[in-house]
Amino acid sequence: MDKTSRFLANSSTALEQLRGLIHQHESTPGSPLPTERELSEKLGVGRREIRRALDVLEEEGRIWRKQGKGTFIGPAAPVEPLALQGLVQQTNLLEVMEARLQLEPGLARLAALRATRENLALMQRMLERINKVSPDDRDLNELWDSAFHRAIAEAAGNRLMLGLFDAIDAVRRDPAWQHLRELARTPERVDHYNHHHDSIMTAIVNRQPNEAAAAMRDHLLSLQNALIQAVNLEDDSLL
């Protein structure tokens, strides 16, 4: 397996590609998806990563499964991401974090004001998934972490901001930066991040927009600091 294939063996990458595949067929809800084996070969990722990504899509209501029949596209299609061609080469992870810090506290604020009962239930399911993941499984932690943040973005009820979130998140998940993201997601930090998630969720459930925005900002600042340390560590290793 070459270097590129190893980079692509990532659940977040599989999720992004599956979102694109579902978007192509949004006009025909109920259409069957290929089998896990076929998706694995088509998208160039492992079957484990395909299964994990499908779990997220099922929780979001994008797909539904019937035992012995297969997996089918659900009625809700994801927002089409903004054009990203060439953007990854023009930016870096720290700029991505700056963008997240500008956008996501506002999304959390709006979610506290607008989240429906269904939105809250989805976010709670995402949190339960996160809390069941081993801190050592960085791939699965990143997958459900991203899904939780996207559920907040959806709950904000602003399609343009959701599109911006999807664009930033797609850039963030670029395989070239996977190593840095993993350095920033140590088991100790995962516990810390999960505590932040609980604080964000509590503020949203209690309809506290200012507290939700502050909790999201604290969470992202913590992640930004971890990424800065990872970048510095990477630079030192090259000296």
C-alpha atoms as a PDB file:
ATOM      1  CA  MET A   1       0.000   0.000   0.000  1.00  0.00           C
ATOM      2  CA  ASP A   2       1.446   3.367  -0.963  1.00  0.00           C
ATOM      3  CA  LYS A   3       1.620   6.473   1.212  1.00  0.00           C
ATOM      4  CA  THR A   4      -1.485   8.033  -0.308  1.00  0.00           C
ATOM      5  CA  SER A   5      -3.578   4.932   0.405  1.00  0.00           C
ATOM      6  CA  ARG A   6      -2.470   4.910   4.050  1.00  0.00           C
ATOM      7  CA  PHE A   7      -3.495   8.547   4.405  1.00  0.00           C
ATOM      8  CA  LEU A   8      -6.933   7.775   2.962  1.00  0.00           C
ATOM      9  CA  ALA A   9      -7.568   4.923   5.410  1.00  0.00           C
ATOM     10  CA  ASN A  10      -9.414   7.331   7.707  1.00  0.00           C
ATOM     11  CA  SER A  11     -13.043   7.331   8.813  1.00  0.00           C
ATOM     12  CA  SER A  12     -13.420  11.114   8.448  1.00  0.00           C
ATOM     13  CA  THR A  13     -12.217  10.925   4.868  1.00  0.00           C
ATOM     14  CA  ALA A  14     -14.665   8.093   4.207  1.00  0.00           C
ATOM     15  CA  LEU A  15     -17.475  10.178   5.717  1.00  0.00           C
ATOM     16  CA  GLU A  16     -16.676  13.150   3.503  1.00  0.00           C
ATOM     17  CA  GLN A  17     -16.667  10.991   0.373  1.00  0.00           C
ATOM     18  CA  LEU A  18     -19.902   9.268   1.356  1.00  0.00           C
ATOM     19  CA  ARG A  19     -21.577  12.646   1.892  1.00  0.00           C
ATOM     20  CA  GLY A  20     -20.597  13.542  -1.657  1.00  0.00           C
ATOM     21  CA  LEU A  21     -21.922  10.248  -2.978  1.00  0.00           C
ATOM     22  CA  ILE A  22     -25.241  10.729  -1.195  1.00  0.00           C
ATOM     23  CA  HIS A  23     -25.505  14.300  -2.488  1.00  0.00           C
ATOM     24  CA  GLN A  24     -25.291  13.015  -6.055  1.00  0.00           C
ATOM     25  CA  HIS A  25     -28.427  10.930  -5.447  1.00  0.00           C
ATOM     26  CA  GLU A  26     -30.418  13.319  -3.242  1.00  0.00           C
ATOM     27  CA  SER A  27     -33.175  13.531  -5.845  1.00  0.00           C
ATOM     28  CA  THR A  28     -33.879   9.805  -5.487  1.00  0.00           C
ATOM     29  CA  PRO A  29     -34.355   9.054  -1.774  1.00  0.00           C
ATOM     30  CA  GLY A  30     -34.582   5.360  -1.062  1.00  0.00           C
ATOM     31  CA  SER A  31     -31.865   4.528  -3.564  1.00  0.00           C
ATOM     32  CA  PRO A  32     -29.617   1.712  -2.339  1.00  0.00           C
ATOM     33  CA  LEU A  33     -25.976   2.363  -1.584  1.00  0.00           C
ATOM     34  CA  PRO A  34     -23.347  -0.103  -2.802  1.00  0.00           C
ATOM     35  CA  THR A  35     -22.227  -2.785  -0.365  1.00  0.00           C
ATOM     36  CA  GLU A  36     -19.506  -2.027   2.173  1.00  0.00           C
ATOM     37  CA  ARG A  37     -17.044  -4.005   0.082  1.00  0.00           C
ATOM     38  CA  GLU A  38     -17.948  -2.068  -3.062  1.00  0.00           C
ATOM     39  CA  LEU A  39     -17.762   1.258  -1.223  1.00  0.00           C
ATOM     40  CA  SER A  40     -14.370   0.294   0.189  1.00  0.00           C
ATOM     41  CA  GLU A  41     -13.026  -0.419  -3.286  1.00  0.00           C
ATOM     42  CA  LYS A  42     -14.700   2.617  -4.863  1.00  0.00           C
ATOM     43  CA  LEU A  43     -13.528   5.133  -2.246  1.00  0.00           C
ATOM     44  CA  GLY A  44     -10.129   3.619  -1.468  1.00  0.00           C
ATOM     45  CA  VAL A  45     -10.681   3.189   2.275  1.00  0.00           C
ATOM     46  CA  GLY A  46     -10.957   0.156   4.559  1.00  0.00           C
ATOM     47  CA  ARG A  47     -14.270  -1.543   5.338  1.00  0.00           C
ATOM     48  CA  ARG A  48     -13.924  -0.640   9.014  1.00  0.00           C
ATOM     49  CA  GLU A  49     -13.721   3.046   8.087  1.00  0.00           C
ATOM     50  CA  ILE A  50     -16.731   2.652   5.781  1.00  0.00           C
ATOM     51  CA  ARG A  51     -18.782   1.073   8.595  1.00  0.00           C
ATOM     52  CA  ARG A  52     -17.822   3.835  11.012  1.00  0.00           C
ATOM     53  CA  ALA A  53     -18.753   6.562   8.541  1.00  0.00           C
ATOM     54  CA  LEU A  54     -22.084   4.863   7.812  1.00  0.00           C
ATOM     55  CA  ASP A  55     -22.812   4.816  11.554  1.00  0.00           C
ATOM     56  CA  VAL A  56     -22.532   8.617  11.593  1.00  0.00           C
ATOM     57  CA  LEU A  57     -24.723   9.017   8.514  1.00  0.00           C
ATOM     58  CA  GLU A  58     -27.347   6.724  10.057  1.00  0.00           C
ATOM     59  CA  GLU A  59     -27.413   8.755  13.270  1.00  0.00           C
ATOM     60  CA  GLU A  60     -27.832  11.925  11.193  1.00  0.00           C
ATOM     61  CA  GLY A  61     -30.751  10.387   9.308  1.00  0.00           C
ATOM     62  CA  ARG A  62     -28.955  10.551   5.953  1.00  0.00           C
ATOM     63  CA  ILE A  63     -29.259   6.803   5.406  1.00  0.00           C
ATOM     64  CA  TRP A  64     -31.252   3.888   6.760  1.00  0.00           C
ATOM     65  CA  ARG A  65     -30.417   0.203   6.950  1.00  0.00           C
ATOM     66  CA  LYS A  66     -32.546  -2.907   6.665  1.00  0.00           C
ATOM     67  CA  GLN A  67     -31.021  -6.177   7.728  1.00  0.00           C
ATOM     68  CA  GLY A  68     -30.556  -8.509   4.801  1.00  0.00           C
ATOM     69  CA  LYS A  69     -31.597  -5.800   2.333  1.00  0.00           C
ATOM     70  CA  GLY A  70     -28.823  -3.214   2.437  1.00  0.00           C
ATOM     71  CA  THR A  71     -28.283   0.491   3.089  1.00  0.00           C
ATOM     72  CA  PHE A  72     -30.498   3.157   1.546  1.00  0.00           C
ATOM     73  CA  ILE A  73     -30.311   6.913   1.120  1.00  0.00           C
ATOM     74  CA  GLY A  74     -32.657   8.730   3.485  1.00  0.00           C
ATOM     75  CA  PRO A  75     -34.842  11.754   2.739  1.00  0.00           C
ATOM     76  CA  ALA A  76     -32.416  14.335   4.153  1.00  0.00           C
ATOM     77  CA  ALA A  77     -29.364  15.230   2.068  1.00  0.00           C
ATOM     78  CA  PRO A  78     -26.349  17.122   3.398  1.00  0.00           C
ATOM     79  CA  VAL A  79     -25.648  20.676   2.327  1.00  0.00           C
ATOM     80  CA  GLU A  80     -23.286  20.775  -0.645  1.00  0.00           C
ATOM     81  CA  PRO A  81     -19.875  22.032   0.519  1.00  0.00           C
ATOM     82  CA  LEU A  82     -18.426  25.199  -0.929  1.00  0.00           C
ATOM     83  CA  ALA A  83     -15.835  24.855  -3.678  1.00  0.00           C
ATOM     84  CA  LEU A  84     -12.547  23.842  -2.051  1.00  0.00           C
ATOM     85  CA  GLN A  85     -10.297  23.287  -5.032  1.00  0.00           C
ATOM     86  CA  GLY A  86      -6.797  24.488  -4.226  1.00  0.00           C
ATOM     87  CA  LEU A  87      -7.770  25.879  -0.825  1.00  0.00           C
ATOM     88  CA  VAL A  88      -5.855  23.278   1.172  1.00  0.00           C
ATOM     89  CA  GLN A  89      -2.613  24.252  -0.560  1.00  0.00           C
ATOM     90  CA  GLN A  90      -3.169  27.902   0.357  1.00  0.00           C
ATOM     91  CA  THR A  91      -3.819  27.486   4.060  1.00  0.00           C
ATOM     92  CA  ASN A  92      -2.781  25.472   7.129  1.00  0.00           C
ATOM     93  CA  LEU A  93      -4.342  23.919  10.209  1.00  0.00           C
ATOM     94  CA  LEU A  94      -3.761  26.975  12.398  1.00  0.00           C
ATOM     95  CA  GLU A  95      -5.631  29.186   9.932  1.00  0.00           C
ATOM     96  CA  VAL A  96      -8.401  26.599   9.926  1.00  0.00           C
ATOM     97  CA  MET A  97      -8.587  26.900  13.718  1.00  0.00           C
ATOM     98  CA  GLU A  98      -8.800  30.690  13.454  1.00  0.00           C
ATOM     99  CA  ALA A  99     -11.747  30.282  11.098  1.00  0.00           C
ATOM    100  CA  ARG A 100     -13.414  27.795  13.437  1.00  0.00           C
ATOM    101  CA  LEU A 101     -12.996  30.199  16.346  1.00  0.00           C
ATOM    102  CA  GLN A 102     -14.814  32.875  14.377  1.00  0.00           C
ATOM    103  CA  LEU A 103     -17.654  30.623  13.223  1.00  0.00           C
ATOM    104  CA  GLU A 104     -18.427  27.881  15.735  1.00  0.00           C
ATOM    105  CA  PRO A 105     -19.081  29.924  18.900  1.00  0.00           C
ATOM    106  CA  GLY A 106     -21.743  31.746  16.872  1.00  0.00           C
ATOM    107  CA  LEU A 107     -23.198  28.434  15.753  1.00  0.00           C
ATOM    108  CA  ALA A 108     -23.328  27.241  19.361  1.00  0.00           C
ATOM    109  CA  ARG A 109     -25.042  30.496  20.350  1.00  0.00           C
ATOM    110  CA  LEU A 110     -27.701  30.048  17.664  1.00  0.00           C
ATOM    111  CA  ALA A 111     -28.132  26.373  18.532  1.00  0.00           C
ATOM    112  CA  ALA A 112     -28.941  27.324  22.117  1.00  0.00           C
ATOM    113  CA  LEU A 113     -31.657  29.613  20.776  1.00  0.00           C
ATOM    114  CA  ARG A 114     -33.035  27.466  17.953  1.00  0.00           C
ATOM    115  CA  ALA A 115     -32.315  23.774  18.525  1.00  0.00           C
ATOM    116  CA  THR A 116     -35.407  21.622  18.113  1.00  0.00           C
ATOM    117  CA  ARG A 117     -36.175  18.559  20.169  1.00  0.00           C
ATOM    118  CA  GLU A 118     -34.863  16.459  17.280  1.00  0.00           C
ATOM    119  CA  ASN A 119     -31.649  18.497  17.131  1.00  0.00           C
ATOM    120  CA  LEU A 120     -31.075  18.038  20.848  1.00  0.00           C
ATOM    121  CA  ALA A 121     -31.718  14.306  20.614  1.00  0.00           C
ATOM    122  CA  LEU A 122     -29.206  13.989  17.766  1.00  0.00           C
ATOM    123  CA  MET A 123     -26.533  15.910  19.681  1.00  0.00           C
ATOM    124  CA  GLN A 124     -27.146  13.771  22.741  1.00  0.00           C
ATOM    125  CA  ARG A 125     -26.748  10.597  20.694  1.00  0.00           C
ATOM    126  CA  MET A 126     -23.491  11.936  19.292  1.00  0.00           C
ATOM    127  CA  LEU A 127     -22.213  12.636  22.812  1.00  0.00           C
ATOM    128  CA  GLU A 128     -23.144   9.143  23.933  1.00  0.00           C
ATOM    129  CA  ARG A 129     -21.200   7.733  20.994  1.00  0.00           C
ATOM    130  CA  ILE A 130     -18.176   9.894  21.835  1.00  0.00           C
ATOM    131  CA  ASN A 131     -18.212   8.801  25.467  1.00  0.00           C
ATOM    132  CA  LYS A 132     -18.188   5.123  24.451  1.00  0.00           C
ATOM    133  CA  VAL A 133     -15.067   5.464  22.283  1.00  0.00           C
ATOM    134  CA  SER A 134     -11.726   4.412  23.718  1.00  0.00           C
ATOM    135  CA  PRO A 135      -9.432   7.447  24.196  1.00  0.00           C
ATOM    136  CA  ASP A 136      -6.767   5.494  22.312  1.00  0.00           C
ATOM    137  CA  ASP A 137      -8.882   5.230  19.154  1.00  0.00           C
ATOM    138  CA  ARG A 138      -7.982   8.577  17.586  1.00  0.00           C
ATOM    139  CA  ASP A 139      -9.699   7.810  14.299  1.00  0.00           C
ATOM    140  CA  LEU A 140     -13.080   7.068  15.882  1.00  0.00           C
ATOM    141  CA  ASN A 141     -12.765   9.953  18.348  1.00  0.00           C
ATOM    142  CA  GLU A 142     -12.171  12.377  15.504  1.00  0.00           C
ATOM    143  CA  LEU A 143     -15.094  10.947  13.537  1.00  0.00           C
ATOM    144  CA  TRP A 144     -17.701  11.374  16.269  1.00  0.00           C
ATOM    145  CA  ASP A 145     -16.199  14.671  17.469  1.00  0.00           C
ATOM    146  CA  SER A 146     -16.683  16.100  13.980  1.00  0.00           C
ATOM    147  CA  ALA A 147     -20.217  14.679  13.821  1.00  0.00           C
ATOM    148  CA  PHE A 148     -21.112  16.336  17.146  1.00  0.00           C
ATOM    149  CA  HIS A 149     -19.849  19.704  15.952  1.00  0.00           C
ATOM    150  CA  ARG A 150     -21.812  19.326  12.719  1.00  0.00           C
ATOM    151  CA  ALA A 151     -24.974  18.503  14.663  1.00  0.00           C
ATOM    152  CA  ILE A 152     -24.536  21.832  16.488  1.00  0.00           C
ATOM    153  CA  ALA A 153     -24.074  23.593  13.146  1.00  0.00           C
ATOM    154  CA  GLU A 154     -27.305  22.043  11.857  1.00  0.00           C
ATOM    155  CA  ALA A 155     -29.159  23.023  15.033  1.00  0.00           C
ATOM    156  CA  ALA A 156     -28.161  26.667  14.471  1.00  0.00           C
ATOM    157  CA  GLY A 157     -30.701  26.763  11.645  1.00  0.00           C
ATOM    158  CA  ASN A 158     -28.653  28.854   9.211  1.00  0.00           C
ATOM    159  CA  ARG A 159     -27.955  27.102   5.912  1.00  0.00           C
ATOM    160  CA  LEU A 160     -25.221  29.503   4.828  1.00  0.00           C
ATOM    161  CA  MET A 161     -23.342  29.075   8.104  1.00  0.00           C
ATOM    162  CA  LEU A 162     -23.794  25.301   7.823  1.00  0.00           C
ATOM    163  CA  GLY A 163     -22.255  25.466   4.359  1.00  0.00           C
ATOM    164  CA  LEU A 164     -19.311  27.452   5.745  1.00  0.00           C
ATOM    165  CA  PHE A 165     -18.917  24.904   8.523  1.00  0.00           C
ATOM    166  CA  ASP A 166     -18.859  22.037   6.009  1.00  0.00           C
ATOM    167  CA  ALA A 167     -16.267  23.848   3.906  1.00  0.00           C
ATOM    168  CA  ILE A 168     -13.966  24.502   6.863  1.00  0.00           C
ATOM    169  CA  ASP A 169     -14.444  20.980   8.190  1.00  0.00           C
ATOM    170  CA  ALA A 170     -13.604  19.468   4.808  1.00  0.00           C
ATOM    171  CA  VAL A 171     -10.359  21.478   4.712  1.00  0.00           C
ATOM    172  CA  ARG A 172      -9.581  20.493   8.305  1.00  0.00           C
ATOM    173  CA  ARG A 173      -9.903  16.804   7.477  1.00  0.00           C
ATOM    174  CA  ASP A 174      -7.378  16.914   4.642  1.00  0.00           C
ATOM    175  CA  PRO A 175      -5.305  13.698   4.873  1.00  0.00           C
ATOM    176  CA  ALA A 176      -2.036  15.651   4.657  1.00  0.00           C
ATOM    177  CA  TRP A 177      -2.706  17.017   8.145  1.00  0.00           C
ATOM    178  CA  GLN A 178      -3.884  13.779   9.721  1.00  0.00           C
ATOM    179  CA  HIS A 179      -0.600  13.252  11.600  1.00  0.00           C
ATOM    180  CA  LEU A 180      -0.817  16.678  13.264  1.00  0.00           C
ATOM    181  CA  ARG A 181      -4.444  16.110  14.229  1.00  0.00           C
ATOM    182  CA  GLU A 182      -3.483  12.806  15.830  1.00  0.00           C
ATOM    183  CA  LEU A 183      -0.663  14.448  17.801  1.00  0.00           C
ATOM    184  CA  ALA A 184      -3.188  16.941  19.177  1.00  0.00           C
ATOM    185  CA  ARG A 185      -5.653  14.195  20.144  1.00  0.00           C
ATOM    186  CA  THR A 186      -3.848  12.279  22.890  1.00  0.00           C
ATOM    187  CA  PRO A 187      -5.893  10.099  25.300  1.00  0.00           C
ATOM    188  CA  GLU A 188      -5.408  12.688  28.061  1.00  0.00           C
ATOM    189  CA  ARG A 189      -6.642  15.490  25.851  1.00  0.00           C
ATOM    190  CA  VAL A 190      -9.584  13.428  24.619  1.00  0.00           C
ATOM    191  CA  ASP A 191     -10.948  13.302  28.188  1.00  0.00           C
ATOM    192  CA  HIS A 192     -10.487  17.072  28.398  1.00  0.00           C
ATOM    193  CA  TYR A 193     -12.279  17.622  25.093  1.00  0.00           C
ATOM    194  CA  ASN A 194     -15.158  15.369  26.168  1.00  0.00           C
ATOM    195  CA  HIS A 195     -15.636  17.516  29.281  1.00  0.00           C
ATOM    196  CA  HIS A 196     -15.848  20.549  26.990  1.00  0.00           C
ATOM    197  CA  HIS A 197     -18.469  18.799  24.871  1.00  0.00           C
ATOM    198  CA  ASP A 198     -20.580  18.168  27.958  1.00  0.00           C
ATOM    199  CA  SER A 199     -20.365  21.861  28.903  1.00  0.00           C
ATOM    200  CA  ILE A 200     -21.397  22.947  25.411  1.00  0.00           C
ATOM    201  CA  MET A 201     -24.310  20.513  25.403  1.00  0.00           C
ATOM    202  CA  THR A 202     -25.493  21.603  28.845  1.00  0.00           C
ATOM    203  CA  ALA A 203     -25.563  25.252  27.789  1.00  0.00           C
ATOM    204  CA  ILE A 204     -27.481  24.450  24.594  1.00  0.00           C
ATOM    205  CA  VAL A 205     -30.028  22.281  26.407  1.00  0.00           C
ATOM    206  CA  ASN A 206     -30.541  25.011  29.025  1.00  0.00           C
ATOM    207  CA  ARG A 207     -31.021  27.647  26.302  1.00  0.00           C
ATOM    208  CA  GLN A 208     -28.016  29.677  27.432  1.00  0.00           C
ATOM    209  CA  PRO A 209     -26.585  31.217  24.227  1.00  0.00           C
ATOM    210  CA  ASN A 210     -23.764  33.207  25.830  1.00  0.00           C
ATOM    211  CA  GLU A 211     -22.619  30.228  27.876  1.00  0.00           C
ATOM    212  CA  ALA A 212     -22.798  27.943  24.845  1.00  0.00           C
ATOM    213  CA  ALA A 213     -20.654  30.329  22.800  1.00  0.00           C
ATOM    214  CA  ALA A 214     -18.119  30.691  25.630  1.00  0.00           C
ATOM    215  CA  ALA A 215     -17.897  26.927  26.154  1.00  0.00           C
ATOM    216  CA  MET A 216     -17.349  26.371  22.431  1.00  0.00           C
ATOM    217  CA  ARG A 217     -14.661  29.055  22.346  1.00  0.00           C
ATOM    218  CA  ASP A 218     -12.858  27.506  25.339  1.00  0.00           C
ATOM    219  CA  HIS A 219     -12.988  24.120  23.640  1.00  0.00           C
ATOM    220  CA  LEU A 220     -11.561  25.404  20.368  1.00  0.00           C
ATOM    221  CA  LEU A 221      -8.847  27.436  22.108  1.00  0.00           C
ATOM    222  CA  SER A 222      -7.745  24.276  23.916  1.00  0.00           C
ATOM    223  CA  LEU A 223      -7.599  22.401  20.625  1.00  0.00           C
ATOM    224  CA  GLN A 224      -5.759  25.282  18.969  1.00  0.00           C
ATOM    225  CA  ASN A 225      -3.100  25.236  21.704  1.00  0.00           C
ATOM    226  CA  ALA A 226      -2.681  21.478  21.263  1.00  0.00           C
ATOM    227  CA  LEU A 227      -2.238  21.928  17.520  1.00  0.00           C
ATOM    228  CA  ILE A 228       0.359  24.655  18.056  1.00  0.00           C
ATOM    229  CA  GLN A 229       2.291  22.260  20.289  1.00  0.00           C
ATOM    230  CA  ALA A 230       1.972  19.531  17.647  1.00  0.00           C
ATOM    231  CA  VAL A 231       3.259  21.860  14.922  1.00  0.00           C
ATOM    232  CA  ASN A 232       6.204  22.917  17.078  1.00  0.00           C
ATOM    233  CA  LEU A 233       6.981  19.301  17.896  1.00  0.00           C
ATOM    234  CA  GLU A 234       6.878  18.426  14.204  1.00  0.00           C
ATOM    235  CA  ASP A 235       9.184  21.336  13.333  1.00  0.00           C
ATOM    236  CA  ASP A 236      11.675  20.333  16.053  1.00  0.00           C
ATOM    237  CA  SER A 237      11.799  16.785  14.680  1.00  0.00           C
ATOM    238  CA  LEU A 238      12.908  18.152  11.311  1.00  0.00           C
ATOM    239  CA  LEU A 239      15.872  20.066  12.758  1.00  0.00           C
END
